[in-house]
């Protein structure tokens, strides 16, 4: 991948967060100038970010339906909630990336849901719409980490592509740390497709809960 150039911190502000289950955390939120894709991505620092050692980092792609409305068709909302608590315990960053629907946008994602209702999996539905299975590029994420002075991370993710892209972009992955399994009757087909199609590290043995 070509060098995307430097980004700079545009602003930083502290925001107290309260989740629907009552969990509370304080985030220091960073915005940026000069990100490669021009999108309004955020970096949220939680806990005591280690000056030495390796921060825990989650790259979380925006999911309006899951993060805001609590949709059970995916595991995004529970992953976000889990990630904030785990990062706050150890110190690190959550990068909230404006990549709705694995990069295809909100309306297209909802169109893909309609196709999934007819039997296609999440990747087949995207390609049936003439869209990429996964259109996400993590160049901006690497820029954000570099700007924050981070060169090596423990990556909180089940997705091997995130680790591969970040490594190619010069971010050292010390460990890949899987998130929990947030399984429901509504998202089993979705999670199984991620395991079987793109090698996500999600242990699906056992009944839905």
Protein backbone atom coordinates (compact mmCIF):
# COMPACT_ATOMS: atom_id res chain seq x y z
CA UNK A 1 0.00 0.00 0.00
CA UNK A 2 1.31 3.51 -0.77
CA UNK A 3 2.25 5.89 2.05
CA UNK A 4 -0.98 7.83 2.73
CA UNK A 5 0.80 10.83 4.25
CA UNK A 6 0.57 12.28 7.70
CA UNK A 7 -2.58 13.16 9.61
CA UNK A 8 -2.80 15.64 12.48
CA UNK A 9 -5.06 15.93 15.51
CA UNK A 10 -7.84 18.44 14.79
CA UNK A 11 -9.43 18.48 18.26
CA UNK A 12 -9.75 16.51 21.46
CA UNK A 13 -12.59 16.59 23.97
CA UNK A 14 -13.68 14.51 26.98
CA UNK A 15 -17.14 12.95 26.80
CA UNK A 16 -18.78 10.91 29.60
CA UNK A 17 -20.60 7.89 28.17
CA UNK A 18 -23.47 5.90 29.66
CA UNK A 19 -24.62 2.70 27.92
CA UNK A 20 -28.19 1.31 28.05
CA UNK A 21 -27.20 -1.27 30.68
CA UNK A 22 -25.89 1.48 32.96
CA UNK A 23 -22.18 0.98 32.30
CA UNK A 24 -20.31 4.30 32.35
CA UNK A 25 -16.94 5.32 30.95
CA UNK A 26 -15.19 8.55 30.07
CA UNK A 27 -13.69 8.89 26.63
CA UNK A 28 -11.18 11.38 25.31
CA UNK A 29 -12.33 11.80 21.73
CA UNK A 30 -9.89 12.80 18.98
CA UNK A 31 -10.76 14.17 15.54
CA UNK A 32 -8.25 14.49 12.71
CA UNK A 33 -7.13 16.47 9.69
CA UNK A 34 -5.60 14.75 6.66
CA UNK A 35 -7.13 11.27 6.78
CA UNK A 36 -6.72 9.43 3.50
CA UNK A 37 -10.42 8.89 2.80
CA UNK A 38 -11.62 12.28 4.08
CA UNK A 39 -14.18 10.66 6.40
CA UNK A 40 -14.99 11.85 9.93
CA UNK A 41 -13.48 8.94 11.85
CA UNK A 42 -12.99 9.18 15.62
CA UNK A 43 -10.43 7.82 18.06
CA UNK A 44 -11.73 7.34 21.59
CA UNK A 45 -9.15 6.87 24.34
CA UNK A 46 -10.29 4.93 27.42
CA UNK A 47 -8.52 4.20 30.67
CA UNK A 48 -4.85 4.90 31.23
CA UNK A 49 -3.26 4.56 27.81
CA UNK A 50 0.19 3.07 28.51
CA UNK A 51 3.16 5.32 27.73
CA UNK A 52 5.23 2.18 27.37
CA UNK A 53 3.87 -1.22 26.49
CA UNK A 54 1.08 -2.00 24.08
CA UNK A 55 -2.41 -0.45 24.09
CA UNK A 56 -5.51 -2.50 23.41
CA UNK A 57 -7.13 -1.21 20.21
CA UNK A 58 -10.47 -1.94 18.60
CA UNK A 59 -11.28 -0.92 15.01
CA UNK A 60 -15.08 -0.68 15.08
CA UNK A 61 -16.95 0.02 11.86
CA UNK A 62 -20.02 2.18 12.29
CA UNK A 63 -23.29 0.24 12.39
CA UNK A 64 -26.30 2.50 12.92
CA UNK A 65 -28.76 -0.39 13.17
CA UNK A 66 -26.68 -2.31 15.71
CA UNK A 67 -24.84 0.42 17.62
CA UNK A 68 -27.79 2.81 18.01
CA UNK A 69 -30.99 0.81 17.56
CA UNK A 70 -29.84 -2.49 19.03
CA UNK A 71 -30.50 -4.64 15.95
CA UNK A 72 -30.11 -8.37 16.55
CA UNK A 73 -29.20 -9.04 12.91
CA UNK A 74 -25.53 -8.48 13.74
CA UNK A 75 -23.27 -8.46 16.79
CA UNK A 76 -22.00 -4.90 16.37
CA UNK A 77 -23.76 -3.27 19.31
CA UNK A 78 -22.66 -5.89 21.85
CA UNK A 79 -19.12 -5.84 20.43
CA UNK A 80 -18.98 -2.06 20.86
CA UNK A 81 -20.20 -2.24 24.45
CA UNK A 82 -17.78 -5.06 25.30
CA UNK A 83 -14.86 -3.30 23.65
CA UNK A 84 -15.32 -0.06 25.58
CA UNK A 85 -15.23 -1.88 28.92
CA UNK A 86 -12.24 -4.05 28.03
CA UNK A 87 -10.25 -1.11 26.69
CA UNK A 88 -11.13 1.01 29.74
CA UNK A 89 -9.75 -1.74 31.99
CA UNK A 90 -6.35 -1.92 30.27
CA UNK A 91 -5.99 1.45 28.53
CA UNK A 92 -6.16 1.95 24.79
CA UNK A 93 -8.19 3.22 21.89
CA UNK A 94 -11.42 2.48 20.10
CA UNK A 95 -11.32 3.75 16.53
CA UNK A 96 -14.89 4.41 15.40
CA UNK A 97 -14.72 4.19 11.62
CA UNK A 98 -17.44 5.55 9.35
CA UNK A 99 -17.70 2.37 7.27
CA UNK A 100 -21.37 1.46 7.48
CA UNK A 101 -22.21 -1.96 6.05
CA UNK A 102 -18.54 -2.99 5.63
CA UNK A 103 -18.09 0.11 3.50
CA UNK A 104 -21.20 -0.03 1.27
CA UNK A 105 -23.33 2.53 3.16
CA UNK A 106 -26.54 2.39 5.14
CA UNK A 107 -29.11 2.21 2.33
CA UNK A 108 -27.15 -0.47 0.50
CA UNK A 109 -26.81 -2.42 3.74
CA UNK A 110 -30.58 -2.40 4.18
CA UNK A 111 -31.00 -3.52 0.56
CA UNK A 112 -28.61 -6.36 1.35
CA UNK A 113 -30.72 -7.28 4.38
CA UNK A 114 -33.72 -7.71 2.08
CA UNK A 115 -31.70 -10.10 -0.09
CA UNK A 116 -30.55 -11.99 3.01
CA UNK A 117 -34.22 -12.52 3.88
CA UNK A 118 -34.48 -14.46 0.61
CA UNK A 119 -31.64 -16.80 1.63
CA UNK A 120 -28.37 -15.13 0.63
CA UNK A 121 -25.65 -14.69 3.22
CA UNK A 122 -24.17 -11.29 4.04
CA UNK A 123 -21.39 -11.58 1.45
CA UNK A 124 -23.57 -13.02 -1.31
CA UNK A 125 -26.08 -10.22 -0.80
CA UNK A 126 -23.42 -7.55 -1.29
CA UNK A 127 -22.14 -9.10 -4.50
CA UNK A 128 -25.71 -9.55 -5.78
CA UNK A 129 -26.02 -5.76 -5.51
CA UNK A 130 -22.82 -5.30 -7.51
CA UNK A 131 -20.92 -4.22 -4.42
CA UNK A 132 -17.74 -5.55 -2.77
CA UNK A 133 -18.07 -8.26 -0.14
CA UNK A 134 -16.05 -6.03 2.16
CA UNK A 135 -15.14 -2.56 0.93
CA UNK A 136 -13.26 -1.42 4.03
CA UNK A 137 -9.79 0.10 3.83
CA UNK A 138 -7.93 0.69 7.09
CA UNK A 139 -5.43 3.25 5.81
CA UNK A 140 -7.09 6.02 7.83
CA UNK A 141 -7.02 3.82 10.93
CA UNK A 142 -3.27 3.35 10.55
CA UNK A 143 -2.86 7.11 10.12
CA UNK A 144 -4.86 7.75 13.30
CA UNK A 145 -2.75 5.34 15.33
CA UNK A 146 0.51 6.78 13.99
CA UNK A 147 -0.66 10.31 14.77
CA UNK A 148 -1.42 9.22 18.33
CA UNK A 149 2.10 7.84 18.66
CA UNK A 150 1.09 4.20 18.49
CA UNK A 151 3.22 1.80 16.46
CA UNK A 152 2.31 -1.55 18.07
CA UNK A 153 -1.04 -2.75 19.38
CA UNK A 154 -3.00 -5.60 20.85
CA UNK A 155 -5.82 -5.79 18.31
CA UNK A 156 -9.26 -6.55 19.74
CA UNK A 157 -10.85 -8.23 16.73
CA UNK A 158 -12.07 -11.51 15.27
CA UNK A 159 -11.30 -10.34 11.73
CA UNK A 160 -7.97 -11.46 10.21
CA UNK A 161 -8.21 -8.84 7.44
CA UNK A 162 -7.90 -6.00 9.96
CA UNK A 163 -4.63 -7.43 11.25
CA UNK A 164 -3.32 -8.06 7.74
CA UNK A 165 -4.11 -4.55 6.49
CA UNK A 166 -2.70 -2.82 9.56
CA UNK A 167 0.50 -4.88 9.34
CA UNK A 168 0.92 -3.90 5.69
CA UNK A 169 0.38 -0.27 6.70
CA UNK A 170 3.19 -0.41 9.25
CA UNK A 171 1.29 -1.05 12.50
CA UNK A 172 2.80 -3.89 14.50
CA UNK A 173 0.25 -6.41 15.81
CA UNK A 174 1.60 -7.83 19.06
CA UNK A 175 -1.49 -9.96 19.74
CA UNK A 176 -4.90 -10.55 18.22
CA UNK A 177 -7.46 -10.62 21.03
CA UNK A 178 -10.89 -12.00 20.05
CA UNK A 179 -14.08 -10.38 21.24
CA UNK A 180 -16.74 -12.49 22.93
CA UNK A 181 -19.38 -14.42 21.02
CA UNK A 182 -22.62 -12.43 20.93
CA UNK A 183 -24.93 -15.01 19.46
CA UNK A 184 -28.70 -14.80 18.97
CA UNK A 185 -31.29 -16.61 16.89
CA UNK A 186 -31.32 -13.62 14.53
CA UNK A 187 -27.59 -13.36 13.85
CA UNK A 188 -26.48 -17.01 13.71
CA UNK A 189 -26.52 -17.12 9.89
CA UNK A 190 -24.57 -13.85 9.77
CA UNK A 191 -21.90 -15.00 12.22
CA UNK A 192 -21.55 -18.40 10.55
CA UNK A 193 -20.92 -16.65 7.20
CA UNK A 194 -18.15 -14.57 8.79
CA UNK A 195 -16.49 -17.71 10.15
CA UNK A 196 -16.83 -19.81 7.01
CA UNK A 197 -16.23 -17.12 4.37
CA UNK A 198 -13.59 -14.84 5.87
CA UNK A 199 -12.09 -16.86 8.72
CA UNK A 200 -13.32 -14.80 11.64
CA UNK A 201 -12.30 -16.29 15.00
CA UNK A 202 -15.79 -16.77 16.44
CA UNK A 203 -16.51 -19.95 18.40
CA UNK A 204 -20.07 -20.87 17.41
CA UNK A 205 -20.32 -24.22 19.20
CA UNK A 206 -23.27 -24.51 21.54
CA UNK A 207 -26.80 -23.14 21.52
CA UNK A 208 -27.78 -19.55 20.88
CA UNK A 209 -28.33 -17.43 23.93
